[in-house]
C-alpha atoms as a PDB file:
ATOM      1  CA  MET A   1     -77.575 -83.938 120.069  1.00  0.00           C
ATOM      2  CA  ALA A   2     -79.045 -80.675 118.793  1.00  0.00           C
ATOM      3  CA  THR A   3     -80.400 -77.984 121.070  1.00  0.00           C
ATOM      4  CA  GLU A   4     -83.030 -75.324 120.442  1.00  0.00           C
ATOM      5  CA  THR A   5     -80.643 -72.434 121.134  1.00  0.00           C
ATOM      6  CA  THR A   6     -77.739 -73.397 118.891  1.00  0.00           C
ATOM      7  CA  GLU A   7     -77.175 -73.892 115.200  1.00  0.00           C
ATOM      8  CA  ILE A   8     -73.628 -75.273 115.413  1.00  0.00           C
ATOM      9  CA  ASP A   9     -72.419 -78.181 117.516  1.00  0.00           C
ATOM     10  CA  VAL A  10     -68.698 -77.649 116.843  1.00  0.00           C
ATOM     11  CA  LEU A  11     -67.169 -74.405 115.611  1.00  0.00           C
ATOM     12  CA  VAL A  12     -63.656 -75.122 114.319  1.00  0.00           C
ATOM     13  CA  LEU A  13     -61.285 -72.175 114.286  1.00  0.00           C
ATOM     14  CA  GLY A  14     -58.108 -72.169 112.150  1.00  0.00           C
ATOM     15  CA  GLY A  15     -56.085 -74.995 110.685  1.00  0.00           C
ATOM     16  CA  ALA A  16     -57.208 -74.731 107.035  1.00  0.00           C
ATOM     17  CA  GLY A  17     -54.503 -75.433 104.495  1.00  0.00           C
ATOM     18  CA  VAL A  18     -52.917 -77.631 101.873  1.00  0.00           C
ATOM     19  CA  ASP A  19     -50.390 -80.471 102.180  1.00  0.00           C
ATOM     20  CA  SER A  20     -48.039 -81.972  99.617  1.00  0.00           C
ATOM     21  CA  ILE A  21     -47.520 -85.660 100.389  1.00  0.00           C
ATOM     22  CA  VAL A  22     -44.157 -87.266  99.645  1.00  0.00           C
ATOM     23  CA  TYR A  23     -43.665 -90.970 100.337  1.00  0.00           C
ATOM     24  CA  VAL A  24     -39.976 -91.467 101.161  1.00  0.00           C
ATOM     25  CA  PRO A  25     -37.958 -94.707 101.451  1.00  0.00           C
ATOM     26  CA  GLU A  26     -37.157 -94.118 105.118  1.00  0.00           C
ATOM     27  CA  LEU A  27     -37.241 -91.591 107.947  1.00  0.00           C
ATOM     28  CA  PRO A  28     -34.978 -89.926 108.787  1.00  0.00           C
ATOM     29  CA  LEU A  29     -34.186 -89.453 105.126  1.00  0.00           C
ATOM     30  CA  PRO A  30     -30.459 -89.967 104.464  1.00  0.00           C
ATOM     31  CA  TYR A  31     -28.646 -87.144 102.731  1.00  0.00           C
ATOM     32  CA  ALA A  32     -28.380 -87.541  98.979  1.00  0.00           C
ATOM     33  CA  ASP A  33     -28.415 -85.304  95.958  1.00  0.00           C
ATOM     34  CA  SER A  34     -31.777 -86.819  95.008  1.00  0.00           C
ATOM     35  CA  HIS A  35     -34.247 -89.576  95.869  1.00  0.00           C
ATOM     36  CA  LEU A  36     -36.718 -91.283  93.578  1.00  0.00           C
ATOM     37  CA  VAL A  37     -40.184 -91.250  95.169  1.00  0.00           C
ATOM     38  CA  PRO A  38     -43.722 -92.187  94.109  1.00  0.00           C
ATOM     39  CA  ALA A  39     -46.049 -89.530  92.730  1.00  0.00           C
ATOM     40  CA  ILE A  40     -46.091 -86.389  94.865  1.00  0.00           C
ATOM     41  CA  GLU A  41     -49.684 -85.365  95.489  1.00  0.00           C
ATOM     42  CA  THR A  42     -51.100 -82.135  96.846  1.00  0.00           C
ATOM     43  CA  ARG A  43     -54.481 -82.018  98.589  1.00  0.00           C
ATOM     44  CA  ALA A  44     -56.405 -79.737 100.900  1.00  0.00           C
ATOM     45  CA  GLY A  45     -56.551 -80.810 104.518  1.00  0.00           C
ATOM     46  CA  GLN A  46     -54.644 -79.639 107.573  1.00  0.00           C
ATOM     47  CA  THR A  47     -55.522 -80.025 111.231  1.00  0.00           C
ATOM     48  CA  GLY A  48     -58.612 -77.770 111.308  1.00  0.00           C
ATOM     49  CA  ASP A  49     -59.919 -79.224 108.068  1.00  0.00           C
ATOM     50  CA  PHE A  50     -59.589 -82.768 109.406  1.00  0.00           C
ATOM     51  CA  VAL A  51     -61.319 -81.944 112.698  1.00  0.00           C
ATOM     52  CA  ALA A  52     -64.145 -80.269 110.782  1.00  0.00           C
ATOM     53  CA  MET A  53     -64.480 -83.284 108.484  1.00  0.00           C
ATOM     54  CA  GLY A  54     -64.252 -85.623 111.472  1.00  0.00           C
ATOM     55  CA  VAL A  55     -67.032 -84.118 113.564  1.00  0.00           C
ATOM     56  CA  GLN A  56     -69.200 -83.559 110.476  1.00  0.00           C
ATOM     57  CA  ALA A  57     -68.925 -87.249 109.530  1.00  0.00           C
ATOM     58  CA  LEU A  58     -69.969 -88.147 113.074  1.00  0.00           C
ATOM     59  CA  GLY A  59     -73.231 -86.287 112.636  1.00  0.00           C
ATOM     60  CA  LEU A  60     -72.389 -83.032 114.413  1.00  0.00           C
ATOM     61  CA  ARG A  61     -73.425 -79.696 112.958  1.00  0.00           C
ATOM     62  CA  THR A  62     -70.127 -78.124 112.000  1.00  0.00           C
ATOM     63  CA  HIS A  63     -68.783 -74.737 110.934  1.00  0.00           C
ATOM     64  CA  HIS A  64     -65.184 -73.853 110.086  1.00  0.00           C
ATOM     65  CA  ILE A  65     -63.635 -70.389 110.083  1.00  0.00           C
ATOM     66  CA  ASP A  66     -60.107 -69.425 109.058  1.00  0.00           C
ATOM     67  CA  LEU A  67     -57.926 -67.139 106.988  1.00  0.00           C
ATOM     68  CA  ILE A  68     -56.971 -68.440 103.556  1.00  0.00           C
ATOM     69  CA  GLY A  69     -55.406 -66.885 100.494  1.00  0.00           C
ATOM     70  CA  ASP A  70     -56.829 -65.789  97.172  1.00  0.00           C
ATOM     71  CA  ASP A  71     -54.764 -68.465  95.450  1.00  0.00           C
ATOM     72  CA  HIS A  72     -54.907 -71.980  93.989  1.00  0.00           C
ATOM     73  CA  GLU A  73     -54.357 -73.550  97.417  1.00  0.00           C
ATOM     74  CA  GLY A  74     -57.246 -71.528  98.803  1.00  0.00           C
ATOM     75  CA  ASP A  75     -59.426 -72.844  95.986  1.00  0.00           C
ATOM     76  CA  LEU A  76     -58.532 -76.395  97.038  1.00  0.00           C
ATOM     77  CA  VAL A  77     -59.620 -75.636 100.608  1.00  0.00           C
ATOM     78  CA  ARG A  78     -62.888 -74.088  99.414  1.00  0.00           C
ATOM     79  CA  ALA A  79     -63.576 -77.070  97.171  1.00  0.00           C
ATOM     80  CA  LEU A  80     -62.960 -79.529 100.027  1.00  0.00           C
ATOM     81  CA  HIS A  81     -65.534 -77.796 102.212  1.00  0.00           C
ATOM     82  CA  ARG A  82     -68.068 -77.659  99.390  1.00  0.00           C
ATOM     83  CA  GLU A  83     -67.613 -81.361  98.650  1.00  0.00           C
ATOM     84  CA  ARG A  84     -68.078 -82.260 102.329  1.00  0.00           C
ATOM     85  CA  ALA A  85     -70.962 -79.785 102.793  1.00  0.00           C
ATOM     86  CA  ILE A  86     -69.129 -78.074 105.659  1.00  0.00           C
ATOM     87  CA  PRO A  87     -70.039 -74.387 106.052  1.00  0.00           C
ATOM     88  CA  PHE A  88     -66.835 -72.360 105.795  1.00  0.00           C
ATOM     89  CA  THR A  89     -66.312 -68.724 106.708  1.00  0.00           C
ATOM     90  CA  GLU A  90     -63.114 -67.260 105.309  1.00  0.00           C
ATOM     91  CA  ALA A  91     -61.109 -64.103 105.798  1.00  0.00           C
ATOM     92  CA  LEU A  92     -58.265 -63.084 103.511  1.00  0.00           C
ATOM     93  CA  GLN A  93     -54.769 -64.234 104.406  1.00  0.00           C
ATOM     94  CA  ARG A  94     -52.645 -61.871 102.330  1.00  0.00           C
ATOM     95  CA  ALA A  95     -49.521 -64.021 102.466  1.00  0.00           C
ATOM     96  CA  GLY A  96     -51.445 -66.941 100.973  1.00  0.00           C
ATOM     97  CA  THR A  97     -53.016 -70.163 102.147  1.00  0.00           C
ATOM     98  CA  LYS A  98     -51.108 -72.231 104.697  1.00  0.00           C
ATOM     99  CA  ARG A  99     -49.204 -75.126 103.185  1.00  0.00           C
ATOM    100  CA  ALA A 100     -46.887 -77.905 104.259  1.00  0.00           C
ATOM    101  CA  VAL A 101     -44.880 -80.813 102.915  1.00  0.00           C
ATOM    102  CA  ASN A 102     -45.440 -84.152 104.654  1.00  0.00           C
ATOM    103  CA  LEU A 103     -42.717 -86.777 104.334  1.00  0.00           C
ATOM    104  CA  VAL A 104     -44.239 -90.198 105.013  1.00  0.00           C
ATOM    105  CA  GLY A 105     -42.078 -93.268 105.708  1.00  0.00           C
ATOM    106  CA  PRO A 106     -42.892 -96.911 104.905  1.00  0.00           C
ATOM    107  CA  ASP A 107     -44.040 -97.495 108.493  1.00  0.00           C
ATOM    108  CA  GLY A 108     -46.540 -94.638 108.329  1.00  0.00           C
ATOM    109  CA  ARG A 109     -44.518 -92.177 110.389  1.00  0.00           C
ATOM    110  CA  ARG A 110     -44.684 -88.564 109.250  1.00  0.00           C
ATOM    111  CA  LEU A 111     -42.390 -85.554 109.207  1.00  0.00           C
ATOM    112  CA  SER A 112     -44.174 -82.290 108.414  1.00  0.00           C
ATOM    113  CA  LEU A 113     -42.442 -79.205 107.031  1.00  0.00           C
ATOM    114  CA  TYR A 114     -44.624 -76.116 107.534  1.00  0.00           C
ATOM    115  CA  ASP A 115     -44.224 -73.013 105.372  1.00  0.00           C
ATOM    116  CA  ASN A 116     -43.912 -70.390 108.103  1.00  0.00           C
ATOM    117  CA  SER A 117     -43.931 -67.517 105.607  1.00  0.00           C
ATOM    118  CA  ARG A 118     -47.728 -67.815 105.276  1.00  0.00           C
ATOM    119  CA  SER A 119     -48.307 -66.519 108.795  1.00  0.00           C
ATOM    120  CA  GLN A 120     -48.009 -62.840 109.621  1.00  0.00           C
ATOM    121  CA  GLY A 121     -48.078 -61.270 113.060  1.00  0.00           C
ATOM    122  CA  THR A 122     -51.005 -59.027 112.155  1.00  0.00           C
ATOM    123  CA  ASP A 123     -53.283 -61.865 111.006  1.00  0.00           C
ATOM    124  CA  ARG A 124     -56.548 -61.970 112.952  1.00  0.00           C
ATOM    125  CA  LEU A 125     -59.874 -63.742 112.652  1.00  0.00           C
ATOM    126  CA  PRO A 126     -62.597 -61.049 112.438  1.00  0.00           C
ATOM    127  CA  THR A 127     -63.825 -60.563 116.006  1.00  0.00           C
ATOM    128  CA  ALA A 128     -67.422 -59.690 115.117  1.00  0.00           C
ATOM    129  CA  THR A 129     -67.729 -62.812 112.966  1.00  0.00           C
ATOM    130  CA  VAL A 130     -66.248 -65.021 115.682  1.00  0.00           C
ATOM    131  CA  GLU A 131     -68.667 -63.518 118.209  1.00  0.00           C
ATOM    132  CA  ALA A 132     -71.658 -64.154 115.957  1.00  0.00           C
ATOM    133  CA  LEU A 133     -70.677 -67.769 115.260  1.00  0.00           C
ATOM    134  CA  THR A 134     -69.825 -68.476 118.887  1.00  0.00           C
ATOM    135  CA  ALA A 135     -73.198 -67.147 120.014  1.00  0.00           C
ATOM    136  CA  VAL A 136     -74.914 -70.020 118.195  1.00  0.00           C
ATOM    137  CA  SER A 137     -72.343 -72.747 118.956  1.00  0.00           C
ATOM    138  CA  ARG A 138     -72.175 -75.452 121.609  1.00  0.00           C
ATOM    139  CA  HIS A 139     -68.424 -75.933 121.456  1.00  0.00           C
ATOM    140  CA  ALA A 140     -65.330 -74.376 119.845  1.00  0.00           C
ATOM    141  CA  HIS A 141     -62.242 -76.315 118.774  1.00  0.00           C
ATOM    142  CA  VAL A 142     -59.242 -74.025 118.390  1.00  0.00           C
ATOM    143  CA  SER A 143     -56.328 -74.874 116.117  1.00  0.00           C
ATOM    144  CA  LEU A 144     -52.801 -74.046 117.204  1.00  0.00           C
ATOM    145  CA  THR A 145     -52.327 -71.121 114.813  1.00  0.00           C
ATOM    146  CA  HIS A 146     -51.355 -67.537 115.609  1.00  0.00           C
ATOM    147  CA  PRO A 147     -54.664 -65.809 114.760  1.00  0.00           C
ATOM    148  CA  CYS A 148     -56.592 -68.268 116.932  1.00  0.00           C
ATOM    149  CA  ALA A 149     -54.702 -67.193 120.049  1.00  0.00           C
ATOM    150  CA  PHE A 150     -56.327 -63.762 119.746  1.00  0.00           C
ATOM    151  CA  ALA A 151     -59.773 -65.352 119.446  1.00  0.00           C
ATOM    152  CA  LEU A 152     -59.502 -67.163 122.785  1.00  0.00           C
ATOM    153  CA  PRO A 153     -60.712 -64.217 124.943  1.00  0.00           C
ATOM    154  CA  THR A 154     -63.758 -63.834 122.665  1.00  0.00           C
ATOM    155  CA  LEU A 155     -64.603 -67.505 123.034  1.00  0.00           C
ATOM    156  CA  ARG A 156     -64.120 -67.428 126.783  1.00  0.00           C
ATOM    157  CA  ALA A 157     -66.283 -64.314 127.184  1.00  0.00           C
ATOM    158  CA  ALA A 158     -69.074 -66.055 125.248  1.00  0.00           C
ATOM    159  CA  GLY A 159     -69.045 -68.947 127.708  1.00  0.00           C
ATOM    160  CA  VAL A 160     -68.667 -71.631 125.056  1.00  0.00           C
ATOM    161  CA  SER A 161     -66.644 -74.722 125.942  1.00  0.00           C
ATOM    162  CA  ILE A 162     -63.233 -74.858 124.241  1.00  0.00           C
ATOM    163  CA  SER A 163     -60.895 -77.614 123.114  1.00  0.00           C
ATOM    164  CA  THR A 164     -57.460 -77.438 121.520  1.00  0.00           C
ATOM    165  CA  ASP A 165     -54.714 -79.739 120.294  1.00  0.00           C
ATOM    166  CA  LEU A 166     -51.148 -78.855 121.319  1.00  0.00           C
ATOM    167  CA  HIS A 167     -49.748 -81.555 118.995  1.00  0.00           C
ATOM    168  CA  ASN A 168     -46.095 -82.268 119.871  1.00  0.00           C
ATOM    169  CA  TRP A 169     -45.682 -79.616 122.584  1.00  0.00           C
ATOM    170  CA  ASP A 170     -42.634 -80.194 124.761  1.00  0.00           C
ATOM    171  CA  GLY A 171     -44.303 -78.726 127.847  1.00  0.00           C
ATOM    172  CA  THR A 172     -42.095 -75.626 127.935  1.00  0.00           C
ATOM    173  CA  GLU A 173     -42.504 -73.678 124.675  1.00  0.00           C
ATOM    174  CA  PRO A 174     -44.331 -70.451 125.720  1.00  0.00           C
ATOM    175  CA  TYR A 175     -46.323 -70.118 122.476  1.00  0.00           C
ATOM    176  CA  HIS A 176     -48.548 -73.071 123.392  1.00  0.00           C
ATOM    177  CA  GLU A 177     -49.421 -71.860 126.886  1.00  0.00           C
ATOM    178  CA  ALA A 178     -52.316 -69.561 125.939  1.00  0.00           C
ATOM    179  CA  PHE A 179     -54.021 -72.526 124.259  1.00  0.00           C
ATOM    180  CA  ALA A 180     -53.108 -75.024 126.991  1.00  0.00           C
ATOM    181  CA  TYR A 181     -54.406 -72.927 129.864  1.00  0.00           C
ATOM    182  CA  GLU A 182     -57.578 -71.505 128.289  1.00  0.00           C
ATOM    183  CA  ALA A 183     -59.113 -74.711 126.950  1.00  0.00           C
ATOM    184  CA  ASP A 184     -61.569 -76.966 128.765  1.00  0.00           C
ATOM    185  CA  ILE A 185     -60.317 -80.037 126.890  1.00  0.00           C
ATOM    186  CA  VAL A 186     -56.657 -80.278 125.927  1.00  0.00           C
ATOM    187  CA  PHE A 187     -55.237 -82.845 123.523  1.00  0.00           C
ATOM    188  CA  LEU A 188     -51.525 -83.330 122.930  1.00  0.00           C
ATOM    189  CA  SER A 189     -49.086 -85.958 121.772  1.00  0.00           C
ATOM    190  CA  ALA A 190     -46.762 -87.633 124.248  1.00  0.00           C
ATOM    191  CA  THR A 191     -44.044 -87.827 121.572  1.00  0.00           C
ATOM    192  CA  ALA A 192     -41.975 -84.863 122.792  1.00  0.00           C
ATOM    193  CA  LEU A 193     -42.706 -85.302 126.507  1.00  0.00           C
ATOM    194  CA  THR A 194     -40.156 -86.868 128.824  1.00  0.00           C
ATOM    195  CA  ASP A 195     -42.783 -87.047 131.576  1.00  0.00           C
ATOM    196  CA  PRO A 196     -46.331 -86.968 130.101  1.00  0.00           C
ATOM    197  CA  GLU A 197     -48.059 -87.107 133.488  1.00  0.00           C
ATOM    198  CA  LYS A 198     -46.098 -84.111 134.776  1.00  0.00           C
ATOM    199  CA  THR A 199     -47.054 -82.007 131.766  1.00  0.00           C
ATOM    200  CA  MET A 200     -50.683 -83.109 131.923  1.00  0.00           C
ATOM    201  CA  ARG A 201     -50.911 -82.172 135.589  1.00  0.00           C
ATOM    202  CA  GLN A 202     -49.219 -78.858 134.824  1.00  0.00           C
ATOM    203  CA  ILE A 203     -51.901 -78.072 132.260  1.00  0.00           C
ATOM    204  CA  ALA A 204     -54.684 -78.965 134.697  1.00  0.00           C
ATOM    205  CA  ALA A 205     -53.124 -77.007 137.576  1.00  0.00           C
ATOM    206  CA  ARG A 206     -52.325 -73.817 135.660  1.00  0.00           C
ATOM    207  CA  GLY A 207     -55.333 -73.787 133.379  1.00  0.00           C
ATOM    208  CA  ARG A 208     -58.996 -74.662 133.382  1.00  0.00           C
ATOM    209  CA  ALA A 209     -58.989 -78.036 131.626  1.00  0.00           C
ATOM    210  CA  GLU A 210     -61.628 -80.500 132.779  1.00  0.00           C
ATOM    211  CA  ALA A 211     -59.811 -83.208 130.786  1.00  0.00           C
ATOM    212  CA  VAL A 212     -56.287 -83.569 129.415  1.00  0.00           C
ATOM    213  CA  VAL A 213     -55.516 -86.304 126.893  1.00  0.00           C
ATOM    214  CA  ALA A 214     -52.004 -87.297 125.808  1.00  0.00           C
ATOM    215  CA  THR A 215     -52.025 -89.688 122.867  1.00  0.00           C
ATOM    216  CA  ALA A 216     -49.169 -92.197 122.745  1.00  0.00           C
ATOM    217  CA  GLY A 217     -49.553 -93.971 119.405  1.00  0.00           C
ATOM    218  CA  ALA A 218     -49.407 -97.747 119.663  1.00  0.00           C
ATOM    219  CA  GLU A 219     -49.326 -97.469 123.472  1.00  0.00           C
ATOM    220  CA  GLY A 220     -52.789 -95.924 123.585  1.00  0.00           C
ATOM    221  CA  ALA A 221     -53.397 -92.683 125.449  1.00  0.00           C
ATOM    222  CA  HIS A 222     -53.330 -91.113 128.899  1.00  0.00           C
ATOM    223  CA  LEU A 223     -56.416 -89.375 130.313  1.00  0.00           C
ATOM    224  CA  LEU A 224     -56.365 -86.954 133.253  1.00  0.00           C
ATOM    225  CA  VAL A 225     -59.728 -86.021 134.779  1.00  0.00           C
ATOM    226  CA  ASP A 226     -60.309 -84.593 138.268  1.00  0.00           C
ATOM    227  CA  GLY A 227     -56.735 -85.402 139.246  1.00  0.00           C
ATOM    228  CA  GLU A 228     -57.064 -89.076 138.317  1.00  0.00           C
ATOM    229  CA  LEU A 229     -54.831 -90.434 135.587  1.00  0.00           C
ATOM    230  CA  SER A 230     -56.163 -93.331 133.486  1.00  0.00           C
ATOM    231  CA  HIS A 231     -54.682 -95.367 130.679  1.00  0.00           C
ATOM    232  CA  VAL A 232     -56.694 -95.663 127.476  1.00  0.00           C
ATOM    233  CA  PRO A 233     -55.771 -98.977 125.792  1.00  0.00           C
ATOM    234  CA  PRO A 234     -54.662 -98.944 122.161  1.00  0.00           C
ATOM    235  CA  VAL A 235     -57.148-100.126 119.559  1.00  0.00           C
ATOM    236  CA  THR A 236     -56.332-102.604 116.817  1.00  0.00           C
ATOM    237  CA  PRO A 237     -56.798-100.813 113.472  1.00  0.00           C
ATOM    238  CA  PRO A 238     -59.513-102.357 111.275  1.00  0.00           C
ATOM    239  CA  ALA A 239     -57.087-102.578 108.331  1.00  0.00           C
ATOM    240  CA  PRO A 240     -53.303-102.402 107.754  1.00  0.00           C
ATOM    241  CA  VAL A 241     -51.604 -99.251 109.032  1.00  0.00           C
ATOM    242  CA  VAL A 242     -50.364 -97.070 106.187  1.00  0.00           C
ATOM    243  CA  ASP A 243     -50.089 -93.568 107.616  1.00  0.00           C
ATOM    244  CA  SER A 244     -50.366 -91.724 110.928  1.00  0.00           C
ATOM    245  CA  ASN A 245     -51.445 -88.486 109.246  1.00  0.00           C
ATOM    246  CA  GLY A 246     -54.674 -87.173 110.789  1.00  0.00           C
ATOM    247  CA  ALA A 247     -54.773 -89.654 113.667  1.00  0.00           C
ATOM    248  CA  GLY A 248     -54.658 -86.955 116.334  1.00  0.00           C
ATOM    249  CA  ASP A 249     -57.369 -84.931 114.607  1.00  0.00           C
ATOM    250  CA  ALA A 250     -59.531 -88.063 114.360  1.00  0.00           C
ATOM    251  CA  PHE A 251     -59.018 -88.750 118.062  1.00  0.00           C
ATOM    252  CA  ALA A 252     -60.089 -85.218 118.975  1.00  0.00           C
ATOM    253  CA  SER A 253     -63.139 -85.366 116.686  1.00  0.00           C
ATOM    254  CA  ALA A 254     -64.426 -88.613 118.154  1.00  0.00           C
ATOM    255  CA  TYR A 255     -63.736 -87.467 121.715  1.00  0.00           C
ATOM    256  CA  LEU A 256     -65.815 -84.340 121.087  1.00  0.00           C
ATOM    257  CA  PHE A 257     -68.571 -86.471 119.571  1.00  0.00           C
ATOM    258  CA  GLY A 258     -68.730 -88.473 122.788  1.00  0.00           C
ATOM    259  CA  ARG A 259     -68.601 -85.417 125.018  1.00  0.00           C
ATOM    260  CA  LEU A 260     -71.426 -83.649 123.223  1.00  0.00           C
ATOM    261  CA  ALA A 261     -73.456 -86.862 123.448  1.00  0.00           C
ATOM    262  CA  GLY A 262     -73.037 -86.836 127.231  1.00  0.00           C
ATOM    263  CA  GLU A 263     -70.610 -89.749 127.475  1.00  0.00           C
ATOM    264  CA  SER A 264     -68.033 -90.105 130.267  1.00  0.00           C
ATOM    265  CA  PRO A 265     -64.452 -88.913 129.598  1.00  0.00           C
ATOM    266  CA  LEU A 266     -63.228 -92.519 129.511  1.00  0.00           C
ATOM    267  CA  ARG A 267     -65.857 -93.443 126.941  1.00  0.00           C
ATOM    268  CA  CYS A 268     -64.971 -90.333 124.914  1.00  0.00           C
ATOM    269  CA  ALA A 269     -61.307 -91.358 124.934  1.00  0.00           C
ATOM    270  CA  ARG A 270     -62.309 -94.867 123.827  1.00  0.00           C
ATOM    271  CA  TYR A 271     -64.085 -93.306 120.839  1.00  0.00           C
ATOM    272  CA  GLY A 272     -60.975 -91.233 120.176  1.00  0.00           C
ATOM    273  CA  ALA A 273     -58.706 -94.271 120.196  1.00  0.00           C
ATOM    274  CA  ILE A 274     -60.972 -96.062 117.725  1.00  0.00           C
ATOM    275  CA  ALA A 275     -61.107 -93.098 115.355  1.00  0.00           C
ATOM    276  CA  GLY A 276     -57.355 -92.546 115.599  1.00  0.00           C
ATOM    277  CA  ALA A 277     -56.665 -96.178 114.756  1.00  0.00           C
ATOM    278  CA  TYR A 278     -59.038 -95.952 111.798  1.00  0.00           C
ATOM    279  CA  ALA A 279     -57.233 -92.833 110.514  1.00  0.00           C
ATOM    280  CA  CYS A 280     -53.951 -94.763 110.439  1.00  0.00           C
ATOM    281  CA  THR A 281     -55.430 -97.026 107.750  1.00  0.00           C
ATOM    282  CA  VAL A 282     -56.074 -94.106 105.373  1.00  0.00           C
ATOM    283  CA  PRO A 283     -53.248 -92.971 103.042  1.00  0.00           C
ATOM    284  CA  ALA A 284     -52.002 -89.407 103.577  1.00  0.00           C
ATOM    285  CA  THR A 285     -53.153 -88.559 100.072  1.00  0.00           C
ATOM    286  CA  GLY A 286     -56.752 -89.278 101.086  1.00  0.00           C
ATOM    287  CA  THR A 287     -59.216 -87.472 103.323  1.00  0.00           C
ATOM    288  CA  ASP A 288     -61.479 -90.317 104.427  1.00  0.00           C
ATOM    289  CA  VAL A 289     -62.710 -90.076 108.029  1.00  0.00           C
ATOM    290  CA  ILE A 290     -64.642 -92.484 110.204  1.00  0.00           C
ATOM    291  CA  THR A 291     -68.428 -92.174 110.145  1.00  0.00           C
ATOM    292  CA  ARG A 292     -70.804 -92.299 113.105  1.00  0.00           C
ATOM    293  CA  GLU A 293     -72.037 -95.739 112.100  1.00  0.00           C
ATOM    294  CA  GLN A 294     -68.495 -97.103 111.756  1.00  0.00           C
ATOM    295  CA  LEU A 295     -67.417 -95.629 115.087  1.00  0.00           C
ATOM    296  CA  LEU A 296     -70.325 -97.038 117.057  1.00  0.00           C
ATOM    297  CA  SER A 297     -69.989-100.412 115.353  1.00  0.00           C
ATOM    298  CA  LEU A 298     -66.300-100.653 116.205  1.00  0.00           C
ATOM    299  CA  ALA A 299     -66.961 -99.407 119.739  1.00  0.00           C
ATOM    300  CA  ALA A 300     -69.364-102.287 120.267  1.00  0.00           C
ATOM    301  CA  GLY A 301     -66.896-104.902 119.055  1.00  0.00           C
ATOM    302  CA  PRO A 302     -63.851-106.611 120.566  1.00  0.00           C
ATOM    303  CA  PRO A 303     -60.832-104.851 118.912  1.00  0.00           C
ATOM    304  CA  GLY A 304     -58.723-103.224 121.613  1.00  0.00           C
ATOM    305  CA  GLY A 305     -60.935-104.635 124.352  1.00  0.00           C
ATOM    306  CA  PRO A 306     -64.663-104.373 125.030  1.00  0.00           C
ATOM    307  CA  PRO A 307     -66.183-100.960 125.843  1.00  0.00           C
ATOM    308  CA  THR A 308     -66.577-100.250 129.538  1.00  0.00           C
ATOM    309  CA  GLU A 309     -69.988 -98.623 129.115  1.00  0.00           C
ATOM    310  CA  PRO A 310     -72.815 -98.963 126.597  1.00  0.00           C
ATOM    311  CA  PRO A 311     -72.915 -96.071 124.089  1.00  0.00           C
ATOM    312  CA  ARG A 312     -75.657 -93.497 124.503  1.00  0.00           C
ATOM    313  CA  ALA A 313     -74.999 -91.721 121.183  1.00  0.00           C
END
């Protein structure tokens, strides 16, 4: 998968932060003065961190860049990257490291509360550093954070392929459009979409996406390539489902693994479905991700239906 002219397979921009995990008796949580819950745990790992861990575990050379604070939460992010041996370039985020509270219900559903005070309108990733990293990268995955929007022209000018995850975009919120229409591969959740196909075709028509993927949880996913819409069957998780946290990031990581290995979009989406199902078996307090060996083994087996093509990775 390596080439002679690059040092990085996937450059991940943004999405570094810390989550506090709270397991609640139900979602939505009924109003009460208080609720007794299990131990509340805080760990590093937001969307960019999980994509970086995901592609690294799949054998891709990975580098992560983001703004983080000079604070305890920033130390947790730094420690996570050291433990996973993921090169991490940081710039100072003066308002502090991004953080969120994730409420997780008994069925694994999640409600995330993001601390918006950590983001300032003047935050930027250093352009010269982004240019230098992009020059030696095969692909860039861009997190849906404010500073990353300003890095998109730099990435495009460098000619590197770009992916992004719009998460639960409703198809109309203007903030997401710069990401949706500049990326070559666009991931999003179908959760907030009344008509997923319409939004997917809108992204393809207005932007430059070669592939648009809308994940639909237990229903699988939808894949739009060259105007043709395909259904990606759901995959049976290899263990009981405990949490949906990180499933979308796992899907994106495995899809990128397949793409950089030269697989077809349908095969890439099959990898994504397997990795997403695996992520649902990992508690939100953990940061385990599927490995290359596990992915290829599951892809060769029967859960969720046999693969349509033999793996080349």
